[in-house]
Amino acid sequence: MSTSNTEPASSQGASPKPAAVPATAAAPAAAAAKTAAERPYSPGLEGVIAAETAIGFVDGANGRLLYRGYPIGQLVEKGTYGQVCELLWTGEWRKSARLVPAEIPEPVICALRELPDHTHPMDALRTAVSVWGAWRRPHWPPTVDQARELVAFAPSALAAFHRLRQGLEPVKPNHKLSLAGGFLQQLTGEDPDPAAARALDAYFIVGAEHGLNASTFTARVIISTRSDLASAVCGAIGCLKGPLHGGAPAEVVSQLHEIGSPERAERWVREAIARGDKIMGFGHRVYRAYDPRAAALRKVAEGMSEMAAWLDTAVKVEDVVLRIFGELKPDRVIKTNVEYYAAAVLQGVGLAPDLFPPTFALARMAGWSAHAIEQASADKLIRPDARYVGPPEMDVPAFRS
């Protein structure tokens, strides 16, 4: 199939020749023969294996995260986001791989200029990707070239929106900078401090991939219908916008400001738990050990001199929270998650809190697009069943005059 990004819509999704059903398909076919009422129901699909992937491995029990077999800590320490993107997309570690910020297509800039100032940055990013898709017409199946183009222009689009809502003109990207560095440069109009650019690059690496989370699953479902990469990423952004999936780092910042000092942490945490409030930055649906992403970002934050005072408070508050959780909820394993130290890094590089969620989306586009490519190679429509719990069959009541 052609890899041109301008292939007309009429050529998309040609039907493949029917293939012989392998013997291994017999078991799933037999299971499908049972009615939905006879099959187990898992709310939220918890515990259900819905895909096979070679991209990322989340080992929640042991606190491990691997990208194509490589530990996340090593990737943050030794790699760049450009190298990690190529690894996720192709399965190959290329030392020479580099991803630089791309200029924004004119149709995207025109659309961003029309958005009202109160537009949420997640909505602006979703709009930019949608317009890019309408202009570029990426065909199915998604390709690595499509992924590179999308991931390279998206930070420029988000930075342009941020400047436009401040009454400033967008800034052209400096192609000598990394993708993360170029994003900071286009936000401020000045080349960033190298340490800040490296810190944000590390955050991009940590956020790039995390298994079959809600937004990644959304992207795979969309691609499974033979829709295009732009549609899949728009859907994933919409999913990530929900407060149960993205946005926690901004709330961690607010929480630490509210606590104020380590001395106030004990009382604040106990009162919050007594009220049933959620302590942001702690607990994860998958991890039952210390989140390896949090450990990697803590090291990055410790290297940011301007964050020393804030980080000192964060570390002391973390110790208090973990101790109190261990005391009050001994039957539950609640550890620090990635959002806690993501807050330090994102605040340290100067991002506004409402840019935290879309910056997470910029990082995760690498994983979304890698999963889209992998799902397309499987070419299997994702279509689960639902158990009907409504009323039994009955006649429609006679209409009265």
Protein backbone atom coordinates (compact mmCIF):
# COMPACT_ATOMS: atom_id res chain seq x y z
CA MET A 1 0.00 0.00 0.00
CA SER A 2 1.28 3.47 -0.82
CA THR A 3 2.95 5.49 1.94
CA SER A 4 2.13 8.88 0.45
CA ASN A 5 0.47 11.20 2.95
CA THR A 6 -1.65 12.72 0.19
CA GLU A 7 -3.32 9.55 -1.05
CA PRO A 8 -6.95 10.38 -1.92
CA ALA A 9 -9.71 9.17 0.35
CA SER A 10 -11.15 6.95 -2.36
CA SER A 11 -8.11 4.66 -2.16
CA GLN A 12 -8.25 4.15 1.59
CA GLY A 13 -9.04 0.84 3.24
CA ALA A 14 -9.00 -1.60 0.33
CA SER A 15 -10.30 -4.95 1.57
CA PRO A 16 -7.65 -7.67 1.95
CA LYS A 17 -8.08 -11.14 0.50
CA PRO A 18 -9.76 -13.53 2.95
CA ALA A 19 -7.26 -15.67 4.82
CA ALA A 20 -7.63 -19.24 6.01
CA VAL A 21 -8.64 -19.51 9.68
CA PRO A 22 -5.78 -21.07 11.69
CA ALA A 23 -6.43 -23.90 14.09
CA THR A 24 -5.56 -21.64 17.02
CA ALA A 25 -8.66 -19.56 16.26
CA ALA A 26 -10.92 -22.43 17.27
CA ALA A 27 -10.80 -21.67 21.01
CA PRO A 28 -11.81 -17.98 20.68
CA ALA A 29 -14.56 -19.01 18.27
CA ALA A 30 -15.88 -21.52 20.79
CA ALA A 31 -15.83 -18.89 23.54
CA ALA A 32 -17.73 -16.47 21.32
CA ALA A 33 -20.44 -19.08 20.86
CA LYS A 34 -21.47 -18.54 24.49
CA THR A 35 -24.04 -15.84 25.02
CA ALA A 36 -22.99 -12.55 26.57
CA ALA A 37 -24.91 -13.49 29.72
CA GLU A 38 -22.75 -16.62 30.11
CA ARG A 39 -19.44 -14.84 29.74
CA PRO A 40 -17.73 -12.96 32.61
CA TYR A 41 -18.20 -9.20 32.80
CA SER A 42 -15.28 -6.98 33.84
CA PRO A 43 -16.29 -3.36 34.59
CA GLY A 44 -13.89 -0.99 32.88
CA LEU A 45 -12.36 -4.02 31.11
CA GLU A 46 -10.15 -4.42 34.19
CA GLY A 47 -7.99 -7.52 33.87
CA VAL A 48 -9.10 -8.19 30.28
CA ILE A 49 -6.33 -8.84 27.73
CA ALA A 50 -7.46 -6.81 24.74
CA ALA A 51 -4.25 -6.71 22.70
CA GLU A 52 -0.82 -8.20 22.24
CA THR A 53 1.98 -5.65 21.99
CA ALA A 54 5.75 -5.55 21.58
CA ILE A 55 5.93 -1.83 22.37
CA GLY A 56 5.79 -1.40 26.14
CA PHE A 57 5.65 -3.59 29.24
CA VAL A 58 4.17 -2.25 32.48
CA ASP A 59 5.13 -4.51 35.39
CA GLY A 60 3.07 -2.96 38.15
CA ALA A 61 3.86 -5.57 40.77
CA ASN A 62 7.60 -4.99 40.55
CA GLY A 63 7.65 -1.32 39.55
CA ARG A 64 9.14 -1.81 36.09
CA LEU A 65 8.41 -0.07 32.79
CA LEU A 66 10.12 -1.27 29.61
CA TYR A 67 10.04 0.27 26.13
CA ARG A 68 10.79 -2.50 23.63
CA GLY A 69 12.68 -4.24 26.45
CA TYR A 70 14.70 -1.22 27.63
CA PRO A 71 14.14 0.02 31.24
CA ILE A 72 12.71 3.52 31.51
CA GLY A 73 15.42 4.66 33.90
CA GLN A 74 18.16 3.83 31.40
CA LEU A 75 16.28 5.50 28.57
CA VAL A 76 15.95 8.75 30.55
CA GLU A 77 19.59 8.64 31.58
CA LYS A 78 21.14 7.69 28.25
CA GLY A 79 18.60 8.53 25.55
CA THR A 80 16.73 11.40 23.94
CA TYR A 81 13.06 11.68 23.05
CA GLY A 82 13.95 11.45 19.36
CA GLN A 83 15.75 8.15 19.93
CA VAL A 84 12.89 6.83 22.05
CA CYS A 85 10.33 7.75 19.37
CA GLU A 86 12.27 5.78 16.76
CA LEU A 87 12.55 2.88 19.20
CA LEU A 88 8.80 2.82 19.80
CA TRP A 89 7.93 3.21 16.11
CA THR A 90 10.49 0.85 14.57
CA GLY A 91 11.76 -1.37 17.39
CA GLU A 92 15.32 -0.26 16.68
CA TRP A 93 17.66 1.80 18.86
CA ARG A 94 19.26 4.36 16.57
CA LYS A 95 21.93 6.49 18.18
CA SER A 96 21.70 9.00 15.33
CA ALA A 97 17.91 9.39 15.57
CA ARG A 98 16.82 13.00 16.02
CA LEU A 99 13.44 14.70 16.08
CA VAL A 100 13.31 18.47 15.59
CA PRO A 101 10.36 20.88 15.80
CA ALA A 102 8.50 21.43 12.54
CA GLU A 103 6.77 24.52 11.25
CA ILE A 104 2.99 24.70 11.49
CA PRO A 105 0.95 24.24 8.32
CA GLU A 106 -0.91 27.42 7.34
CA PRO A 107 -4.39 25.86 7.67
CA VAL A 108 -3.58 24.92 11.28
CA ILE A 109 -2.39 28.43 12.14
CA CYS A 110 -5.55 29.90 10.58
CA ALA A 111 -7.73 27.61 12.70
CA LEU A 112 -5.82 28.43 15.90
CA ARG A 113 -6.28 32.15 15.26
CA GLU A 114 -10.06 31.65 15.23
CA LEU A 115 -10.21 29.95 18.63
CA PRO A 116 -11.50 32.13 21.51
CA ASP A 117 -9.06 33.08 24.27
CA HIS A 118 -10.88 30.90 26.82
CA THR A 119 -10.28 27.72 24.79
CA HIS A 120 -8.68 24.98 26.87
CA PRO A 121 -5.21 24.09 25.52
CA MET A 122 -6.26 20.42 25.18
CA ASP A 123 -9.08 21.50 22.89
CA ALA A 124 -6.67 23.66 20.91
CA LEU A 125 -4.24 20.76 20.49
CA ARG A 126 -7.05 18.43 19.41
CA THR A 127 -8.22 21.05 16.89
CA ALA A 128 -4.70 21.46 15.51
CA VAL A 129 -4.34 17.69 14.96
CA SER A 130 -7.78 17.52 13.36
CA VAL A 131 -7.00 20.34 10.92
CA TRP A 132 -3.63 18.73 10.15
CA GLY A 133 -5.50 15.53 9.31
CA ALA A 134 -7.97 17.33 7.06
CA TRP A 135 -5.11 19.09 5.27
CA ARG A 136 -2.63 16.19 5.10
CA ARG A 137 -5.15 13.39 4.51
CA PRO A 138 -3.05 10.61 6.10
CA HIS A 139 -4.09 7.27 4.67
CA TRP A 140 -4.62 3.94 6.38
CA PRO A 141 -2.55 2.10 7.47
CA PRO A 142 -0.58 4.64 9.53
CA THR A 143 3.15 4.83 8.84
CA VAL A 144 6.29 5.87 10.70
CA ASP A 145 6.62 8.87 8.37
CA GLN A 146 3.12 10.00 9.34
CA ALA A 147 3.98 9.59 13.01
CA ARG A 148 7.19 11.60 12.65
CA GLU A 149 5.37 14.45 10.92
CA LEU A 150 2.56 14.57 13.46
CA VAL A 151 4.81 14.40 16.53
CA ALA A 152 7.17 17.06 15.10
CA PHE A 153 4.52 19.70 14.38
CA ALA A 154 2.27 19.25 17.43
CA PRO A 155 4.51 21.07 19.98
CA SER A 156 4.79 24.00 17.58
CA ALA A 157 0.99 24.16 17.31
CA LEU A 158 0.48 24.12 21.08
CA ALA A 159 3.13 26.82 21.58
CA ALA A 160 1.53 28.94 18.86
CA PHE A 161 -1.88 28.72 20.54
CA HIS A 162 -0.38 29.71 23.89
CA ARG A 163 1.19 32.82 22.36
CA LEU A 164 -1.93 33.74 20.39
CA ARG A 165 -4.11 33.70 23.50
CA GLN A 166 -1.61 36.10 25.11
CA GLY A 167 -1.87 38.47 22.16
CA LEU A 168 1.54 37.46 20.80
CA GLU A 169 2.51 36.18 17.38
CA PRO A 170 3.76 32.60 16.96
CA VAL A 171 7.52 32.06 16.75
CA LYS A 172 9.17 29.97 14.07
CA PRO A 173 10.99 26.92 15.46
CA ASN A 174 14.74 26.76 15.79
CA HIS A 175 15.56 23.54 13.95
CA LYS A 176 18.88 23.23 15.79
CA LEU A 177 17.00 22.46 19.00
CA SER A 178 15.48 19.21 20.17
CA LEU A 179 11.71 18.80 20.04
CA ALA A 180 11.41 19.66 23.75
CA GLY A 181 13.83 22.57 23.45
CA GLY A 182 12.01 23.86 20.39
CA PHE A 183 8.71 23.74 22.26
CA LEU A 184 10.14 25.93 25.05
CA GLN A 185 11.71 28.27 22.50
CA GLN A 186 8.40 28.74 20.69
CA LEU A 187 6.59 29.39 23.96
CA THR A 188 8.92 32.17 25.09
CA GLY A 189 10.53 33.42 21.89
CA GLU A 190 14.01 32.69 23.29
CA ASP A 191 16.29 29.68 23.14
CA PRO A 192 15.84 27.77 26.41
CA ASP A 193 18.40 26.98 29.08
CA PRO A 194 19.95 23.64 28.04
CA ALA A 195 19.19 22.14 31.47
CA ALA A 196 15.51 23.04 31.14
CA ALA A 197 15.37 21.59 27.62
CA ARG A 198 16.98 18.37 28.85
CA ALA A 199 14.57 18.16 31.79
CA LEU A 200 11.55 18.50 29.51
CA ASP A 201 13.08 15.97 27.10
CA ALA A 202 13.30 13.54 30.03
CA TYR A 203 9.64 14.19 30.83
CA PHE A 204 8.74 13.48 27.19
CA ILE A 205 10.59 10.15 27.42
CA VAL A 206 8.81 9.16 30.62
CA GLY A 207 5.41 10.10 29.19
CA ALA A 208 5.88 8.53 25.77
CA GLU A 209 4.33 5.12 26.40
CA HIS A 210 2.46 3.24 29.11
CA GLY A 211 0.79 0.12 27.77
CA LEU A 212 -2.90 -0.17 27.03
CA ASN A 213 -4.08 2.84 29.04
CA ALA A 214 -7.42 4.47 28.27
CA SER A 215 -6.19 6.91 25.62
CA THR A 216 -3.97 4.35 23.90
CA PHE A 217 -6.85 1.89 23.83
CA THR A 218 -9.02 4.63 22.30
CA ALA A 219 -6.44 5.19 19.57
CA ARG A 220 -6.24 1.47 18.82
CA VAL A 221 -10.03 1.14 18.63
CA ILE A 222 -10.21 3.98 16.11
CA ILE A 223 -7.36 2.58 14.00
CA SER A 224 -8.97 -0.87 14.10
CA THR A 225 -11.86 0.56 12.04
CA ARG A 226 -9.29 1.53 9.36
CA SER A 227 -9.62 5.17 10.20
CA ASP A 228 -6.56 7.42 9.95
CA LEU A 229 -3.83 8.45 12.40
CA ALA A 230 -5.15 11.99 12.89
CA SER A 231 -8.57 10.64 13.91
CA ALA A 232 -6.96 8.18 16.32
CA VAL A 233 -4.83 10.86 17.98
CA CYS A 234 -7.78 13.28 18.21
CA GLY A 235 -9.74 10.57 20.00
CA ALA A 236 -6.81 9.85 22.29
CA ILE A 237 -6.46 13.55 23.18
CA GLY A 238 -10.17 13.68 24.00
CA CYS A 239 -9.74 10.66 26.26
CA LEU A 240 -6.66 12.09 27.98
CA LYS A 241 -8.56 15.32 28.67
CA GLY A 242 -10.72 13.49 31.22
CA PRO A 243 -9.63 14.14 34.84
CA LEU A 244 -9.34 10.41 35.61
CA HIS A 245 -6.57 10.03 33.02
CA GLY A 246 -4.62 13.29 32.58
CA GLY A 247 -4.17 16.55 34.45
CA ALA A 248 -2.94 15.36 37.84
CA PRO A 249 0.46 17.21 37.81
CA ALA A 250 -1.32 20.58 37.87
CA GLU A 251 -3.33 19.41 40.88
CA VAL A 252 -0.14 18.30 42.62
CA VAL A 253 1.19 21.86 42.31
CA SER A 254 -2.01 23.27 43.81
CA GLN A 255 -1.92 20.67 46.57
CA LEU A 256 1.65 21.48 47.59
CA HIS A 257 0.91 25.20 47.55
CA GLU A 258 -2.05 24.53 49.83
CA ILE A 259 0.08 22.47 52.23
CA GLY A 260 2.63 25.27 52.25
CA SER A 261 5.40 23.67 54.32
CA PRO A 262 6.51 20.23 55.49
CA GLU A 263 5.48 21.16 59.03
CA ARG A 264 1.84 21.47 57.95
CA ALA A 265 1.87 18.24 55.93
CA GLU A 266 0.96 15.82 58.73
CA ARG A 267 -2.24 17.60 59.74
CA TRP A 268 -3.23 18.40 56.14
CA VAL A 269 -2.83 14.81 54.95
CA ARG A 270 -4.70 13.29 57.90
CA GLU A 271 -7.59 15.73 57.47
CA ALA A 272 -7.74 15.10 53.73
CA ILE A 273 -7.84 11.32 54.21
CA ALA A 274 -10.52 11.69 56.91
CA ARG A 275 -12.66 13.68 54.45
CA GLY A 276 -12.16 11.01 51.80
CA ASP A 277 -10.24 13.40 49.53
CA LYS A 278 -7.80 12.03 46.97
CA ILE A 279 -4.14 12.84 47.60
CA MET A 280 -2.84 13.75 44.15
CA GLY A 281 0.40 12.12 43.01
CA PHE A 282 -0.13 8.89 44.95
CA GLY A 283 -1.66 5.57 43.98
CA HIS A 284 -2.00 3.99 40.56
CA ARG A 285 -4.36 1.46 39.03
CA VAL A 286 -1.43 -0.67 37.84
CA TYR A 287 1.59 -0.04 40.07
CA ARG A 288 1.85 -1.78 43.45
CA ALA A 289 5.46 -0.66 43.84
CA TYR A 290 7.16 2.72 43.44
CA ASP A 291 6.37 4.08 39.97
CA PRO A 292 9.65 3.82 38.00
CA ARG A 293 8.69 6.97 36.07
CA ALA A 294 8.48 8.90 39.35
CA ALA A 295 11.94 7.66 40.31
CA ALA A 296 13.37 8.78 36.96
CA LEU A 297 11.76 12.23 37.13
CA ARG A 298 12.82 12.73 40.75
CA LYS A 299 16.44 12.40 39.59
CA VAL A 300 15.78 14.96 36.86
CA ALA A 301 14.11 17.35 39.31
CA GLU A 302 17.03 17.01 41.74
CA GLY A 303 19.29 18.37 39.00
CA MET A 304 17.21 21.54 38.55
CA SER A 305 18.81 24.11 40.88
CA GLU A 306 15.89 26.55 40.60
CA MET A 307 13.57 23.88 42.00
CA ALA A 308 15.65 23.15 45.13
CA ALA A 309 13.30 24.75 47.68
CA TRP A 310 10.13 23.41 46.04
CA LEU A 311 11.66 19.94 45.69
CA ASP A 312 12.76 19.92 49.33
CA THR A 313 9.14 20.50 50.34
CA ALA A 314 7.88 17.89 47.86
CA VAL A 315 10.27 15.21 49.15
CA LYS A 316 9.38 15.85 52.79
CA VAL A 317 5.65 15.87 52.04
CA GLU A 318 6.05 12.63 50.08
CA ASP A 319 7.65 10.96 53.10
CA VAL A 320 4.77 12.11 55.33
CA VAL A 321 2.08 10.94 52.90
CA LEU A 322 3.62 7.48 52.44
CA ARG A 323 4.04 7.04 56.20
CA ILE A 324 0.44 8.02 56.94
CA PHE A 325 -0.92 5.82 54.15
CA GLY A 326 1.06 2.92 55.60
CA GLU A 327 -0.40 3.63 59.02
CA LEU A 328 -4.05 4.25 58.07
CA LYS A 329 -4.37 1.92 55.07
CA PRO A 330 -2.00 -0.98 55.82
CA ASP A 331 -4.02 -3.34 53.62
CA ARG A 332 -3.52 -1.17 50.52
CA VAL A 333 -0.27 -0.57 48.62
CA ILE A 334 -0.21 3.14 47.78
CA LYS A 335 3.03 4.53 46.35
CA THR A 336 4.17 7.72 44.65
CA ASN A 337 3.17 7.94 40.99
CA VAL A 338 4.64 9.79 38.02
CA GLU A 339 2.45 12.88 38.39
CA TYR A 340 4.09 13.84 41.68
CA TYR A 341 7.53 14.59 40.25
CA ALA A 342 6.18 15.51 36.81
CA ALA A 343 4.75 18.55 38.59
CA ALA A 344 8.24 19.59 39.71
CA VAL A 345 9.73 19.22 36.23
CA LEU A 346 6.91 20.96 34.36
CA GLN A 347 6.80 23.82 36.85
CA GLY A 348 10.59 24.04 36.80
CA VAL A 349 10.76 24.57 33.05
CA GLY A 350 8.24 27.39 33.33
CA LEU A 351 5.04 25.88 31.94
CA ALA A 352 1.67 27.31 32.94
CA PRO A 353 -0.40 24.71 34.85
CA ASP A 354 -3.07 24.51 32.15
CA LEU A 355 -0.32 23.47 29.70
CA PHE A 356 0.54 20.39 31.79
CA PRO A 357 -2.16 18.10 30.29
CA PRO A 358 -1.47 18.96 26.63
CA THR A 359 2.27 18.66 27.24
CA PHE A 360 1.56 15.16 28.52
CA ALA A 361 -0.33 14.59 25.27
CA LEU A 362 2.67 15.79 23.23
CA ALA A 363 4.84 13.21 24.98
CA ARG A 364 2.30 10.40 24.64
CA MET A 365 1.85 10.95 20.87
CA ALA A 366 4.89 8.74 20.35
CA GLY A 367 3.15 5.82 22.07
CA TRP A 368 -0.25 6.51 20.53
CA SER A 369 1.20 6.47 17.03
CA ALA A 370 3.32 3.38 17.72
CA HIS A 371 0.24 1.52 18.93
CA ALA A 372 -1.72 2.75 15.92
CA ILE A 373 0.91 1.27 13.60
CA GLU A 374 0.93 -2.00 15.55
CA GLN A 375 -2.88 -2.23 15.60
CA ALA A 376 -3.07 -1.65 11.86
CA SER A 377 -0.63 -4.49 11.28
CA ALA A 378 -3.00 -6.80 13.19
CA ASP A 379 -5.91 -5.44 11.11
CA LYS A 380 -8.57 -6.71 13.52
CA LEU A 381 -11.66 -4.67 14.37
CA ILE A 382 -12.00 -4.15 18.13
CA ARG A 383 -15.63 -4.85 18.88
CA PRO A 384 -16.43 -6.25 22.36
CA ASP A 385 -19.89 -7.41 23.41
CA ALA A 386 -22.17 -5.89 26.05
CA ARG A 387 -24.38 -7.74 28.51
CA TYR A 388 -27.97 -6.58 28.20
CA VAL A 389 -29.55 -5.78 31.60
CA GLY A 390 -32.69 -3.97 30.39
CA PRO A 391 -36.32 -5.17 30.48
CA PRO A 392 -37.36 -8.41 28.74
CA GLU A 393 -39.02 -8.43 25.34
CA MET A 394 -42.60 -7.04 25.46
CA ASP A 395 -45.28 -5.73 23.15
CA VAL A 396 -45.55 -2.02 22.46
CA PRO A 397 -48.60 -0.62 24.32
CA ALA A 398 -51.57 0.29 22.13
CA PHE A 399 -51.70 3.97 21.28
CA ARG A 400 -54.63 5.84 22.80
CA SER A 401 -56.51 8.47 20.85
